[in-house]
Amino acid sequence: MNTIKKAREIKFIPDFEPDFQYEVSIADFVPYSEKLIGEKSPVVKGDTIPYFTIPKDSGIWQDTFSKTNKTYITLDEFISYKPLVISFHSSEWGEYGKLHLEALERAYSKINALGGNLLVLSTEIPDQIKNLIDKYNFSFSIVNDYENIISSKFGVFSERNPLWQRVSGIENNVPSPSTFVLSQNQTIAYDFINETLDSIFSVRDVLTAVYTIKNIKQTA
C-alpha cells in the first residue's frame, strides 16, 4: 500500500485528559518474531537509556540548549532537569512524516506545561531541518542523527532488515517511526515504535508519562 495513502488512514487518539481515565492506546508494540543477530532490539519501557551525545551544530535548537556554547550536548544534560520526549523522524516517510511532526507540535506546549521537553532526531541535514521548521513553523528542536547512530542505539534502525524493504514508497534505509519518554533516572517510561507506518503515537499517553515522571520526582 502506498505510504501516502496509508498516512491518510491514520487515526489519531484524543489529547491528554487530566483524570487519566482512558482506553488502551495504539502505543502497544509487538516486536518482530525474528530478531536480527548482531543488531539491537528496540528499547521498551523499563529499559535503560542508551548513552549518546549530540553535536551542537547538528540542527536547530529552540530550547535551553540554543544558548549553550558547548560543542556537544550529553545525555546527562538532556535528562538532568526534566523528562525528555525523544522522537525520530525522516522525510522518507512522506505524508506520514508530516503528520508525525504535526502531532508533536500539537503536543509540544502541553509537554512543556507538564515540565518536560521535546527533542526530534531526524535523518535530514541541518539545512533541510531549517527549511522544514521554517515551512511548517515547528517550535521544538530538530537535530540530525548522523549516520543513524542514536536510532541504532534505540534499536529502531536496521541495516539487515531495512525499512524500505518493509514499507512501499521508501527509497532509502531510515529509522522506523518511534517516540520515547525518558526519565531522569535514565529509564524509558514510554515507548512507541511503528514499523508499518499505519498509526501515530498517542499524545495522551506521552503526556501521561511526562506527568507521572514529574510527579514522582516532586514527591520523592
N, C-alpha and C. Protein backbone atom coordinates (compact mmCIF):
# COMPACT_ATOMS: atom_id res chain seq x y z
N MET A 1 0.85 -1.20 0.00
CA MET A 1 0.00 0.00 0.00
C MET A 1 0.88 1.23 0.00
N ASN A 2 0.51 2.20 -0.81
CA ASN A 2 1.27 3.43 -0.87
C ASN A 2 1.35 4.11 0.48
N THR A 3 2.55 4.64 0.81
CA THR A 3 2.76 5.26 2.12
C THR A 3 1.82 6.43 2.35
N ILE A 4 1.64 7.28 1.33
CA ILE A 4 0.78 8.46 1.49
C ILE A 4 -0.66 8.04 1.70
N LYS A 5 -1.12 7.04 0.97
CA LYS A 5 -2.48 6.56 1.15
C LYS A 5 -2.68 6.02 2.55
N LYS A 6 -1.68 5.27 3.05
CA LYS A 6 -1.78 4.73 4.39
C LYS A 6 -1.80 5.85 5.43
N ALA A 7 -1.01 6.91 5.17
CA ALA A 7 -0.96 8.02 6.12
C ALA A 7 -2.32 8.68 6.26
N ARG A 8 -3.08 8.73 5.18
CA ARG A 8 -4.40 9.34 5.23
C ARG A 8 -5.37 8.53 6.06
N GLU A 9 -5.05 7.25 6.26
CA GLU A 9 -5.95 6.38 7.01
C GLU A 9 -5.61 6.34 8.50
N ILE A 10 -4.56 7.05 8.90
CA ILE A 10 -4.13 7.01 10.28
C ILE A 10 -5.18 7.65 11.18
N LYS A 11 -5.47 6.98 12.28
CA LYS A 11 -6.42 7.50 13.25
C LYS A 11 -5.67 8.09 14.43
N PHE A 12 -6.07 9.29 14.82
CA PHE A 12 -5.45 9.96 15.96
C PHE A 12 -6.24 9.66 17.22
N ILE A 13 -5.53 9.55 18.33
CA ILE A 13 -6.16 9.36 19.63
C ILE A 13 -6.33 10.73 20.26
N PRO A 14 -7.44 11.01 20.94
CA PRO A 14 -7.67 12.32 21.56
C PRO A 14 -6.53 12.71 22.48
N ASP A 15 -6.40 14.03 22.68
CA ASP A 15 -5.32 14.55 23.51
C ASP A 15 -5.50 14.21 24.98
N PHE A 16 -4.52 14.63 25.74
CA PHE A 16 -4.41 14.38 27.17
C PHE A 16 -5.64 14.86 27.95
N GLU A 17 -6.09 14.03 28.90
CA GLU A 17 -7.19 14.40 29.77
C GLU A 17 -6.72 14.25 31.21
N PRO A 18 -6.96 15.25 32.08
CA PRO A 18 -6.41 15.27 33.44
C PRO A 18 -6.76 14.08 34.31
N ASP A 19 -7.93 13.45 34.09
CA ASP A 19 -8.33 12.39 35.00
C ASP A 19 -7.66 11.06 34.68
N PHE A 20 -6.93 10.99 33.56
CA PHE A 20 -6.17 9.79 33.16
C PHE A 20 -7.05 8.56 32.95
N GLN A 21 -8.35 8.74 32.79
CA GLN A 21 -9.23 7.61 32.52
C GLN A 21 -9.39 7.46 31.02
N TYR A 22 -8.69 6.46 30.44
CA TYR A 22 -8.79 6.30 29.01
C TYR A 22 -8.50 4.86 28.63
N GLU A 23 -8.73 4.56 27.37
CA GLU A 23 -8.61 3.20 26.88
C GLU A 23 -7.16 2.86 26.55
N VAL A 24 -6.90 1.61 26.31
CA VAL A 24 -5.57 1.19 25.89
C VAL A 24 -5.26 1.86 24.56
N SER A 25 -4.08 2.40 24.42
CA SER A 25 -3.74 3.19 23.24
C SER A 25 -3.05 2.33 22.19
N ILE A 26 -2.76 2.98 21.06
CA ILE A 26 -2.05 2.31 19.97
C ILE A 26 -0.58 2.16 20.28
N ALA A 27 -0.16 2.57 21.47
CA ALA A 27 1.27 2.53 21.80
C ALA A 27 1.80 1.14 22.08
N ASP A 28 0.93 0.14 22.22
CA ASP A 28 1.39 -1.22 22.46
C ASP A 28 2.22 -1.69 21.27
N PHE A 29 3.37 -2.26 21.54
CA PHE A 29 4.28 -2.65 20.47
C PHE A 29 4.59 -4.13 20.56
N VAL A 30 4.42 -4.83 19.43
CA VAL A 30 4.77 -6.25 19.34
C VAL A 30 5.98 -6.37 18.44
N PRO A 31 7.12 -6.79 18.96
CA PRO A 31 8.33 -6.87 18.14
C PRO A 31 8.25 -7.98 17.10
N TYR A 32 9.16 -7.94 16.13
CA TYR A 32 9.20 -8.98 15.12
C TYR A 32 9.47 -10.34 15.76
N SER A 33 8.91 -11.38 15.16
CA SER A 33 9.11 -12.72 15.70
C SER A 33 10.55 -13.18 15.52
N GLU A 34 11.20 -12.61 14.51
CA GLU A 34 12.60 -12.97 14.26
C GLU A 34 13.48 -11.76 14.54
N LYS A 35 14.34 -11.85 15.52
CA LYS A 35 15.27 -10.77 15.84
C LYS A 35 16.56 -10.95 15.06
N LEU A 36 17.08 -9.86 14.58
CA LEU A 36 18.29 -9.92 13.77
C LEU A 36 19.53 -10.06 14.64
N ILE A 37 20.33 -11.07 14.31
CA ILE A 37 21.55 -11.33 15.08
C ILE A 37 22.52 -10.16 14.89
N GLY A 38 23.07 -9.66 15.99
CA GLY A 38 24.05 -8.58 15.92
C GLY A 38 23.46 -7.19 15.94
N GLU A 39 22.16 -7.07 15.88
CA GLU A 39 21.52 -5.76 15.94
C GLU A 39 20.65 -5.67 17.18
N LYS A 40 20.61 -4.48 17.73
CA LYS A 40 19.88 -4.24 18.97
C LYS A 40 18.38 -4.26 18.72
N SER A 41 17.62 -4.94 19.57
CA SER A 41 16.17 -4.90 19.51
C SER A 41 15.70 -3.54 20.01
N PRO A 42 14.54 -3.08 19.57
CA PRO A 42 14.04 -1.78 20.05
C PRO A 42 13.93 -1.75 21.56
N VAL A 43 14.38 -0.64 22.16
CA VAL A 43 14.23 -0.48 23.59
C VAL A 43 12.76 -0.26 23.93
N VAL A 44 12.37 -0.65 25.11
CA VAL A 44 10.98 -0.54 25.54
C VAL A 44 10.92 0.00 26.97
N LYS A 45 9.71 0.24 27.42
CA LYS A 45 9.50 0.78 28.76
C LYS A 45 10.24 -0.05 29.80
N GLY A 46 11.00 0.62 30.67
CA GLY A 46 11.76 -0.06 31.71
C GLY A 46 13.22 -0.26 31.36
N ASP A 47 13.57 -0.15 30.07
CA ASP A 47 14.97 -0.31 29.67
C ASP A 47 15.79 0.93 30.05
N THR A 48 17.08 0.73 30.19
CA THR A 48 17.99 1.84 30.44
C THR A 48 18.23 2.61 29.14
N ILE A 49 18.32 3.92 29.25
CA ILE A 49 18.53 4.76 28.08
C ILE A 49 19.93 4.54 27.51
N PRO A 50 20.07 4.29 26.21
CA PRO A 50 21.40 4.20 25.62
C PRO A 50 22.10 5.55 25.70
N TYR A 51 23.37 5.56 26.11
CA TYR A 51 24.10 6.82 26.24
C TYR A 51 24.36 7.42 24.85
N PHE A 52 24.24 8.73 24.74
CA PHE A 52 24.54 9.40 23.49
C PHE A 52 24.93 10.85 23.74
N THR A 53 25.60 11.43 22.76
CA THR A 53 25.88 12.87 22.73
C THR A 53 25.45 13.40 21.38
N ILE A 54 25.14 14.69 21.32
CA ILE A 54 24.71 15.31 20.07
C ILE A 54 25.52 16.58 19.83
N PRO A 55 26.13 16.73 18.66
CA PRO A 55 26.87 17.96 18.35
C PRO A 55 25.93 19.17 18.35
N LYS A 56 26.38 20.27 18.89
CA LYS A 56 25.56 21.47 18.98
C LYS A 56 25.17 21.99 17.59
N ASP A 57 26.04 21.80 16.60
CA ASP A 57 25.79 22.34 15.26
C ASP A 57 25.04 21.37 14.35
N SER A 58 24.40 20.36 14.93
CA SER A 58 23.77 19.33 14.11
C SER A 58 22.34 19.65 13.69
N GLY A 59 21.79 20.77 14.14
CA GLY A 59 20.42 21.09 13.76
C GLY A 59 19.97 22.41 14.32
N ILE A 60 18.67 22.54 14.55
CA ILE A 60 18.07 23.77 15.04
C ILE A 60 17.57 23.55 16.46
N TRP A 61 18.16 24.28 17.41
CA TRP A 61 17.78 24.18 18.82
C TRP A 61 16.85 25.33 19.17
N GLN A 62 15.73 25.03 19.80
CA GLN A 62 14.75 26.06 20.15
C GLN A 62 14.37 25.97 21.63
N ASP A 63 15.35 25.61 22.46
CA ASP A 63 15.10 25.47 23.89
C ASP A 63 16.32 25.96 24.66
N THR A 64 16.51 25.48 25.87
CA THR A 64 17.63 25.91 26.72
C THR A 64 18.98 25.72 26.02
N PHE A 65 19.12 24.66 25.24
CA PHE A 65 20.41 24.33 24.64
C PHE A 65 20.77 25.26 23.48
N SER A 66 19.83 26.08 23.02
CA SER A 66 20.15 27.02 21.95
C SER A 66 21.15 28.07 22.40
N LYS A 67 21.29 28.26 23.72
CA LYS A 67 22.16 29.31 24.25
C LYS A 67 23.50 28.78 24.76
N THR A 68 23.68 27.45 24.74
CA THR A 68 24.92 26.90 25.27
C THR A 68 26.07 27.08 24.29
N ASN A 69 27.26 27.23 24.81
CA ASN A 69 28.46 27.36 23.98
C ASN A 69 29.20 26.03 23.83
N LYS A 70 28.65 24.97 24.39
CA LYS A 70 29.31 23.67 24.34
C LYS A 70 29.29 23.10 22.92
N THR A 71 30.30 22.32 22.61
CA THR A 71 30.37 21.67 21.30
C THR A 71 29.41 20.50 21.21
N TYR A 72 29.29 19.76 22.31
CA TYR A 72 28.40 18.60 22.37
C TYR A 72 27.45 18.73 23.56
N ILE A 73 26.26 18.16 23.40
CA ILE A 73 25.30 18.09 24.49
C ILE A 73 25.14 16.62 24.85
N THR A 74 25.28 16.29 26.12
CA THR A 74 25.28 14.90 26.54
C THR A 74 23.92 14.44 27.03
N LEU A 75 23.76 13.14 27.12
CA LEU A 75 22.52 12.56 27.64
C LEU A 75 22.22 13.08 29.03
N ASP A 76 23.25 13.14 29.88
CA ASP A 76 23.05 13.63 31.26
C ASP A 76 22.45 15.02 31.28
N GLU A 77 22.89 15.87 30.36
CA GLU A 77 22.36 17.23 30.31
C GLU A 77 20.90 17.25 29.84
N PHE A 78 20.56 16.35 28.95
CA PHE A 78 19.19 16.28 28.44
C PHE A 78 18.19 15.92 29.54
N ILE A 79 18.57 14.98 30.41
CA ILE A 79 17.60 14.45 31.37
C ILE A 79 17.85 14.88 32.80
N SER A 80 18.81 15.76 33.03
CA SER A 80 19.17 16.11 34.41
C SER A 80 18.11 16.94 35.10
N TYR A 81 17.32 17.69 34.35
CA TYR A 81 16.41 18.62 35.00
C TYR A 81 14.94 18.44 34.62
N LYS A 82 14.63 17.63 33.62
CA LYS A 82 13.22 17.42 33.27
C LYS A 82 13.07 16.18 32.39
N PRO A 83 11.87 15.58 32.38
CA PRO A 83 11.63 14.44 31.48
C PRO A 83 11.84 14.87 30.04
N LEU A 84 12.31 13.94 29.21
CA LEU A 84 12.57 14.25 27.81
C LEU A 84 11.77 13.33 26.91
N VAL A 85 11.00 13.93 26.01
CA VAL A 85 10.34 13.18 24.95
C VAL A 85 11.28 13.23 23.75
N ILE A 86 11.67 12.06 23.27
CA ILE A 86 12.56 11.99 22.12
C ILE A 86 11.86 11.20 21.02
N SER A 87 11.87 11.78 19.81
CA SER A 87 11.14 11.17 18.70
C SER A 87 12.00 11.19 17.45
N PHE A 88 11.95 10.12 16.69
CA PHE A 88 12.73 10.02 15.46
C PHE A 88 11.88 10.41 14.27
N HIS A 89 12.54 10.96 13.23
CA HIS A 89 11.81 11.47 12.07
C HIS A 89 12.64 11.27 10.80
N SER A 90 11.94 11.10 9.68
CA SER A 90 12.58 11.09 8.38
C SER A 90 11.60 11.58 7.31
N SER A 91 12.09 12.38 6.38
CA SER A 91 11.24 12.84 5.28
C SER A 91 10.92 11.69 4.33
N GLU A 92 11.67 10.59 4.43
CA GLU A 92 11.41 9.41 3.61
C GLU A 92 10.02 8.82 3.90
N TRP A 93 9.46 9.15 5.06
CA TRP A 93 8.14 8.64 5.42
C TRP A 93 7.02 9.32 4.65
N GLY A 94 7.34 10.34 3.87
CA GLY A 94 6.33 11.03 3.08
C GLY A 94 5.30 11.75 3.93
N GLU A 95 4.04 11.61 3.57
CA GLU A 95 2.96 12.30 4.28
C GLU A 95 2.88 11.86 5.73
N TYR A 96 3.23 10.62 6.01
CA TYR A 96 3.24 10.15 7.40
C TYR A 96 4.19 11.00 8.24
N GLY A 97 5.36 11.32 7.68
CA GLY A 97 6.33 12.12 8.43
C GLY A 97 5.79 13.49 8.79
N LYS A 98 5.04 14.11 7.89
CA LYS A 98 4.43 15.41 8.17
C LYS A 98 3.38 15.28 9.28
N LEU A 99 2.55 14.25 9.21
CA LEU A 99 1.54 14.03 10.25
C LEU A 99 2.19 13.77 11.60
N HIS A 100 3.31 13.05 11.56
CA HIS A 100 4.05 12.75 12.79
C HIS A 100 4.56 14.04 13.46
N LEU A 101 5.16 14.93 12.67
CA LEU A 101 5.67 16.18 13.22
C LEU A 101 4.54 17.10 13.67
N GLU A 102 3.44 17.09 12.95
CA GLU A 102 2.29 17.91 13.35
C GLU A 102 1.72 17.44 14.69
N ALA A 103 1.72 16.13 14.91
CA ALA A 103 1.26 15.61 16.20
C ALA A 103 2.20 16.03 17.32
N LEU A 104 3.50 16.05 17.04
CA LEU A 104 4.47 16.50 18.03
C LEU A 104 4.28 17.99 18.33
N GLU A 105 4.04 18.79 17.31
CA GLU A 105 3.80 20.21 17.51
C GLU A 105 2.56 20.43 18.36
N ARG A 106 1.54 19.63 18.10
CA ARG A 106 0.30 19.73 18.87
C ARG A 106 0.53 19.39 20.34
N ALA A 107 1.49 18.51 20.60
CA ALA A 107 1.75 18.08 21.98
C ALA A 107 2.77 18.94 22.69
N TYR A 108 3.57 19.70 21.93
CA TYR A 108 4.76 20.35 22.50
C TYR A 108 4.44 21.31 23.64
N SER A 109 3.48 22.17 23.47
CA SER A 109 3.16 23.14 24.53
C SER A 109 2.68 22.45 25.79
N LYS A 110 1.96 21.34 25.63
CA LYS A 110 1.46 20.59 26.79
C LYS A 110 2.60 19.84 27.48
N ILE A 111 3.57 19.35 26.69
CA ILE A 111 4.75 18.71 27.27
C ILE A 111 5.50 19.71 28.15
N ASN A 112 5.69 20.92 27.63
CA ASN A 112 6.37 21.96 28.40
C ASN A 112 5.59 22.34 29.64
N ALA A 113 4.26 22.45 29.50
CA ALA A 113 3.42 22.84 30.63
C ALA A 113 3.49 21.81 31.76
N LEU A 114 3.72 20.55 31.40
CA LEU A 114 3.82 19.49 32.40
C LEU A 114 5.24 19.32 32.94
N GLY A 115 6.17 20.15 32.46
CA GLY A 115 7.53 20.10 32.98
C GLY A 115 8.48 19.25 32.18
N GLY A 116 8.14 18.93 30.93
CA GLY A 116 9.01 18.12 30.10
C GLY A 116 9.60 18.89 28.94
N ASN A 117 10.37 18.21 28.11
CA ASN A 117 10.96 18.83 26.93
C ASN A 117 10.87 17.83 25.78
N LEU A 118 11.05 18.33 24.56
CA LEU A 118 10.93 17.51 23.36
C LEU A 118 12.14 17.70 22.47
N LEU A 119 12.69 16.60 21.97
CA LEU A 119 13.79 16.63 21.00
C LEU A 119 13.47 15.66 19.88
N VAL A 120 13.55 16.15 18.64
CA VAL A 120 13.32 15.30 17.47
C VAL A 120 14.65 15.04 16.80
N LEU A 121 14.95 13.77 16.55
CA LEU A 121 16.16 13.36 15.84
C LEU A 121 15.77 12.96 14.42
N SER A 122 16.35 13.64 13.45
CA SER A 122 15.95 13.47 12.06
C SER A 122 17.08 12.95 11.19
N THR A 123 16.73 12.34 10.07
CA THR A 123 17.72 11.92 9.09
C THR A 123 18.13 13.09 8.19
N GLU A 124 17.44 14.23 8.32
CA GLU A 124 17.73 15.38 7.47
C GLU A 124 18.98 16.13 7.95
N ILE A 125 19.69 16.73 7.01
CA ILE A 125 20.87 17.54 7.36
C ILE A 125 20.39 18.89 7.90
N PRO A 126 21.26 19.65 8.62
CA PRO A 126 20.83 20.90 9.24
C PRO A 126 20.11 21.87 8.32
N ASP A 127 20.60 22.06 7.07
CA ASP A 127 19.93 22.99 6.15
C ASP A 127 18.51 22.53 5.84
N GLN A 128 18.33 21.24 5.66
CA GLN A 128 16.99 20.70 5.39
C GLN A 128 16.09 20.85 6.62
N ILE A 129 16.68 20.68 7.80
CA ILE A 129 15.92 20.85 9.04
C ILE A 129 15.44 22.28 9.16
N LYS A 130 16.30 23.24 8.85
CA LYS A 130 15.91 24.65 8.92
C LYS A 130 14.76 24.93 7.96
N ASN A 131 14.85 24.40 6.76
CA ASN A 131 13.77 24.59 5.78
C ASN A 131 12.46 23.99 6.27
N LEU A 132 12.56 22.84 6.92
CA LEU A 132 11.38 22.16 7.43
C LEU A 132 10.71 22.98 8.53
N ILE A 133 11.52 23.49 9.45
CA ILE A 133 10.99 24.31 10.55
C ILE A 133 10.38 25.60 10.02
N ASP A 134 11.07 26.24 9.07
CA ASP A 134 10.56 27.49 8.50
C ASP A 134 9.25 27.27 7.74
N LYS A 135 9.17 26.17 7.02
CA LYS A 135 7.98 25.91 6.20
C LYS A 135 6.74 25.66 7.05
N TYR A 136 6.90 24.87 8.13
CA TYR A 136 5.74 24.49 8.93
C TYR A 136 5.68 25.18 10.30
N ASN A 137 6.69 26.02 10.57
CA ASN A 137 6.71 26.79 11.81
C ASN A 137 6.69 25.90 13.06
N PHE A 138 7.47 24.82 13.02
CA PHE A 138 7.57 23.96 14.20
C PHE A 138 8.35 24.70 15.29
N SER A 139 7.96 24.49 16.54
CA SER A 139 8.56 25.25 17.64
C SER A 139 9.50 24.43 18.51
N PHE A 140 9.69 23.16 18.22
CA PHE A 140 10.58 22.31 19.00
C PHE A 140 11.92 22.13 18.29
N SER A 141 12.88 21.57 19.01
CA SER A 141 14.21 21.36 18.46
C SER A 141 14.25 20.12 17.56
N ILE A 142 14.89 20.26 16.41
CA ILE A 142 15.10 19.13 15.49
C ILE A 142 16.58 19.10 15.14
N VAL A 143 17.23 17.98 15.36
CA VAL A 143 18.66 17.85 15.06
C VAL A 143 18.91 16.57 14.27
N ASN A 144 20.03 16.57 13.57
CA ASN A 144 20.39 15.43 12.73
C ASN A 144 20.99 14.29 13.55
N ASP A 145 20.51 13.08 13.31
CA ASP A 145 21.10 11.88 13.89
C ASP A 145 22.09 11.33 12.88
N TYR A 146 23.32 11.80 12.98
CA TYR A 146 24.34 11.49 11.99
C TYR A 146 24.55 9.99 11.83
N GLU A 147 24.37 9.51 10.60
CA GLU A 147 24.55 8.10 10.24
C GLU A 147 23.70 7.17 11.11
N ASN A 148 22.57 7.68 11.62
CA ASN A 148 21.63 6.87 12.40
C ASN A 148 22.29 6.22 13.63
N ILE A 149 23.23 6.94 14.21
CA ILE A 149 23.93 6.39 15.37
C ILE A 149 22.99 6.22 16.56
N ILE A 150 22.19 7.25 16.84
CA ILE A 150 21.32 7.18 18.02
C ILE A 150 20.12 6.26 17.76
N SER A 151 19.54 6.30 16.56
CA SER A 151 18.42 5.41 16.27
C SER A 151 18.85 3.95 16.34
N SER A 152 20.12 3.67 16.01
CA SER A 152 20.64 2.30 16.15
C SER A 152 20.74 1.91 17.61
N LYS A 153 21.16 2.86 18.46
CA LYS A 153 21.23 2.59 19.90
C LYS A 153 19.85 2.27 20.48
N PHE A 154 18.83 2.93 19.94
CA PHE A 154 17.47 2.69 20.39
C PHE A 154 16.85 1.47 19.72
N GLY A 155 17.54 0.88 18.75
CA GLY A 155 17.05 -0.33 18.09
C GLY A 155 15.95 -0.10 17.08
N VAL A 156 15.81 1.15 16.58
CA VAL A 156 14.74 1.44 15.63
C VAL A 156 15.27 1.66 14.21
N PHE A 157 16.57 1.39 14.01
CA PHE A 157 17.17 1.43 12.68
C PHE A 157 17.87 0.11 12.44
N SER A 158 17.63 -0.49 11.29
CA SER A 158 18.21 -1.80 10.99
C SER A 158 18.89 -1.81 9.63
N GLU A 159 20.12 -2.27 9.59
CA GLU A 159 20.83 -2.45 8.32
C GLU A 159 20.43 -3.78 7.67
N ARG A 160 20.19 -4.78 8.49
CA ARG A 160 19.91 -6.12 7.97
C ARG A 160 18.46 -6.27 7.49
N ASN A 161 17.56 -5.50 8.11
CA ASN A 161 16.16 -5.57 7.74
C ASN A 161 15.64 -4.14 7.52
N PRO A 162 16.09 -3.49 6.45
CA PRO A 162 15.82 -2.06 6.25
C PRO A 162 14.33 -1.76 6.07
N LEU A 163 13.96 -0.56 6.47
CA LEU A 163 12.56 -0.16 6.40
C LEU A 163 12.04 -0.13 4.97
N TRP A 164 12.91 0.20 4.00
CA TRP A 164 12.45 0.28 2.62
C TRP A 164 12.04 -1.09 2.06
N GLN A 165 12.51 -2.15 2.68
CA GLN A 165 12.09 -3.49 2.26
C GLN A 165 10.73 -3.87 2.84
N ARG A 166 10.31 -3.13 3.87
CA ARG A 166 9.07 -3.47 4.57
C ARG A 166 7.92 -2.52 4.27
N VAL A 167 8.23 -1.31 3.80
CA VAL A 167 7.19 -0.31 3.54
C VAL A 167 7.38 0.26 2.14
N SER A 168 6.35 0.18 1.31
CA SER A 168 6.44 0.70 -0.05
C SER A 168 6.50 2.22 -0.03
N GLY A 169 7.19 2.78 -1.01
CA GLY A 169 7.31 4.22 -1.13
C GLY A 169 8.54 4.79 -0.47
N ILE A 170 9.27 3.99 0.29
CA ILE A 170 10.51 4.44 0.94
C ILE A 170 11.69 3.94 0.11
N GLU A 171 12.58 4.85 -0.26
CA GLU A 171 13.68 4.52 -1.15
C GLU A 171 14.99 4.26 -0.43
N ASN A 172 15.19 4.88 0.74
CA ASN A 172 16.44 4.73 1.47
C ASN A 172 16.17 4.15 2.85
N ASN A 173 17.21 3.57 3.44
CA ASN A 173 17.03 2.98 4.76
C ASN A 173 17.02 4.07 5.82
N VAL A 174 15.95 4.14 6.58
CA VAL A 174 15.78 5.15 7.63
C VAL A 174 15.16 4.47 8.85
N PRO A 175 15.12 5.16 9.99
CA PRO A 175 14.53 4.56 11.19
C PRO A 175 13.03 4.35 11.05
N SER A 176 12.51 3.45 11.86
CA SER A 176 11.06 3.29 11.99
C SER A 176 10.52 4.44 12.83
N PRO A 177 9.32 4.91 12.55
CA PRO A 177 8.72 5.93 13.40
C PRO A 177 8.69 5.47 14.85
N SER A 178 9.18 6.29 15.76
CA SER A 178 9.24 5.90 17.16
C SER A 178 9.34 7.12 18.05
N THR A 179 8.75 7.00 19.23
CA THR A 179 8.74 8.08 20.21
C THR A 179 8.92 7.48 21.60
N PHE A 180 9.75 8.12 22.42
CA PHE A 180 10.04 7.63 23.77
C PHE A 180 9.95 8.78 24.77
N VAL A 181 9.61 8.45 26.00
CA VAL A 181 9.71 9.40 27.10
C VAL A 181 10.80 8.90 28.04
N LEU A 182 11.79 9.74 28.30
CA LEU A 182 12.94 9.36 29.10
C LEU A 182 12.89 10.06 30.45
N SER A 183 13.14 9.31 31.50
CA SER A 183 13.11 9.86 32.85
C SER A 183 14.49 10.28 33.30
N GLN A 184 14.55 11.01 34.43
CA GLN A 184 15.82 11.50 34.94
C GLN A 184 16.69 10.39 35.52
N ASN A 185 16.11 9.23 35.80
CA ASN A 185 16.91 8.12 36.31
C ASN A 185 17.37 7.19 35.18
N GLN A 186 17.33 7.72 33.95
CA GLN A 186 17.88 7.05 32.77
C GLN A 186 17.12 5.80 32.37
N THR A 187 15.81 5.80 32.58
CA THR A 187 14.99 4.69 32.11
C THR A 187 13.90 5.22 31.18
N ILE A 188 13.40 4.33 30.36
CA ILE A 188 12.34 4.68 29.42
C ILE A 188 10.99 4.47 30.10
N ALA A 189 10.19 5.53 30.14
CA ALA A 189 8.89 5.48 30.81
C ALA A 189 7.76 5.24 29.82
N TYR A 190 8.03 5.44 28.53
CA TYR A 190 7.01 5.24 27.49
C TYR A 190 7.72 4.91 26.19
N ASP A 191 7.18 3.96 25.45
CA ASP A 191 7.75 3.65 24.13
C ASP A 191 6.65 3.47 23.10
N PHE A 192 6.90 3.95 21.92
CA PHE A 192 6.03 3.71 20.77
C PHE A 192 6.90 3.49 19.55
N ILE A 193 6.79 2.35 18.93
CA ILE A 193 7.51 2.03 17.71
C ILE A 193 6.51 1.51 16.69
N ASN A 194 6.49 2.11 15.50
CA ASN A 194 5.58 1.66 14.45
C ASN A 194 6.37 1.30 13.22
N GLU A 195 6.37 0.03 12.86
CA GLU A 195 7.21 -0.46 11.78
C GLU A 195 6.45 -0.63 10.47
N THR A 196 5.22 -0.16 10.42
CA THR A 196 4.41 -0.27 9.21
C THR A 196 3.81 1.06 8.77
N LEU A 197 4.07 2.14 9.50
CA LEU A 197 3.57 3.48 9.19
C LEU A 197 2.05 3.52 9.06
N ASP A 198 1.38 2.84 9.98
CA ASP A 198 -0.08 2.81 9.92
C ASP A 198 -0.75 3.41 11.16
N SER A 199 0.03 3.99 12.07
CA SER A 199 -0.55 4.62 13.24
C SER A 199 0.43 5.64 13.81
N ILE A 200 -0.12 6.64 14.49
CA ILE A 200 0.66 7.70 15.12
C ILE A 200 0.66 7.48 16.63
N PHE A 201 1.75 7.86 17.29
CA PHE A 201 1.84 7.73 18.74
C PHE A 201 0.67 8.45 19.42
N SER A 202 0.37 8.04 20.64
CA SER A 202 -0.70 8.65 21.42
C SER A 202 -0.18 9.87 22.17
N VAL A 203 -0.66 11.06 21.79
CA VAL A 203 -0.30 12.28 22.50
C VAL A 203 -0.66 12.15 23.98
N ARG A 204 -1.80 11.59 24.23
CA ARG A 204 -2.29 11.44 25.60
C ARG A 204 -1.38 10.57 26.43
N ASP A 205 -0.89 9.48 25.88
CA ASP A 205 -0.01 8.58 26.62
C ASP A 205 1.36 9.22 26.86
N VAL A 206 1.86 9.98 25.89
CA VAL A 206 3.11 10.70 26.07
C VAL A 206 2.99 11.69 27.22
N LEU A 207 1.90 12.46 27.23
CA LEU A 207 1.70 13.46 28.28
C LEU A 207 1.51 12.81 29.65
N THR A 208 0.85 11.69 29.68
CA THR A 208 0.68 10.96 30.94
C THR A 208 2.02 10.51 31.50
N ALA A 209 2.91 10.02 30.62
CA ALA A 209 4.24 9.58 31.07
C ALA A 209 5.04 10.76 31.61
N VAL A 210 5.00 11.89 30.91
CA VAL A 210 5.71 13.08 31.38
C VAL A 210 5.17 13.52 32.74
N TYR A 211 3.87 13.57 32.86
CA TYR A 211 3.23 13.97 34.12
C TYR A 211 3.63 13.04 35.26
N THR A 212 3.61 11.75 34.99
CA THR A 212 3.92 10.75 36.03
C THR A 212 5.36 10.89 36.50
N ILE A 213 6.29 11.04 35.55
CA ILE A 213 7.71 11.21 35.91
C ILE A 213 7.90 12.45 36.76
N LYS A 214 7.32 13.55 36.33
CA LYS A 214 7.48 14.80 37.04
C LYS A 214 6.86 14.73 38.43
N ASN A 215 5.71 14.08 38.55
CA ASN A 215 5.03 13.96 39.82
C ASN A 215 5.83 13.11 40.81
N ILE A 216 6.40 12.01 40.31
CA ILE A 216 7.22 11.14 41.16
C ILE A 216 8.45 11.91 41.64
N LYS A 217 9.08 12.69 40.76
CA LYS A 217 10.27 13.47 41.10
C LYS A 217 9.96 14.48 42.20
N GLN A 218 8.79 15.12 42.10
CA GLN A 218 8.43 16.17 43.06
C GLN A 218 8.05 15.61 44.42
N THR A 219 7.50 14.39 44.44
CA THR A 219 7.05 13.80 45.71
C THR A 219 8.10 12.92 46.36
N ALA A 220 9.20 12.65 45.65
CA ALA A 220 10.25 11.77 46.18
C ALA A 220 10.96 12.43 47.35
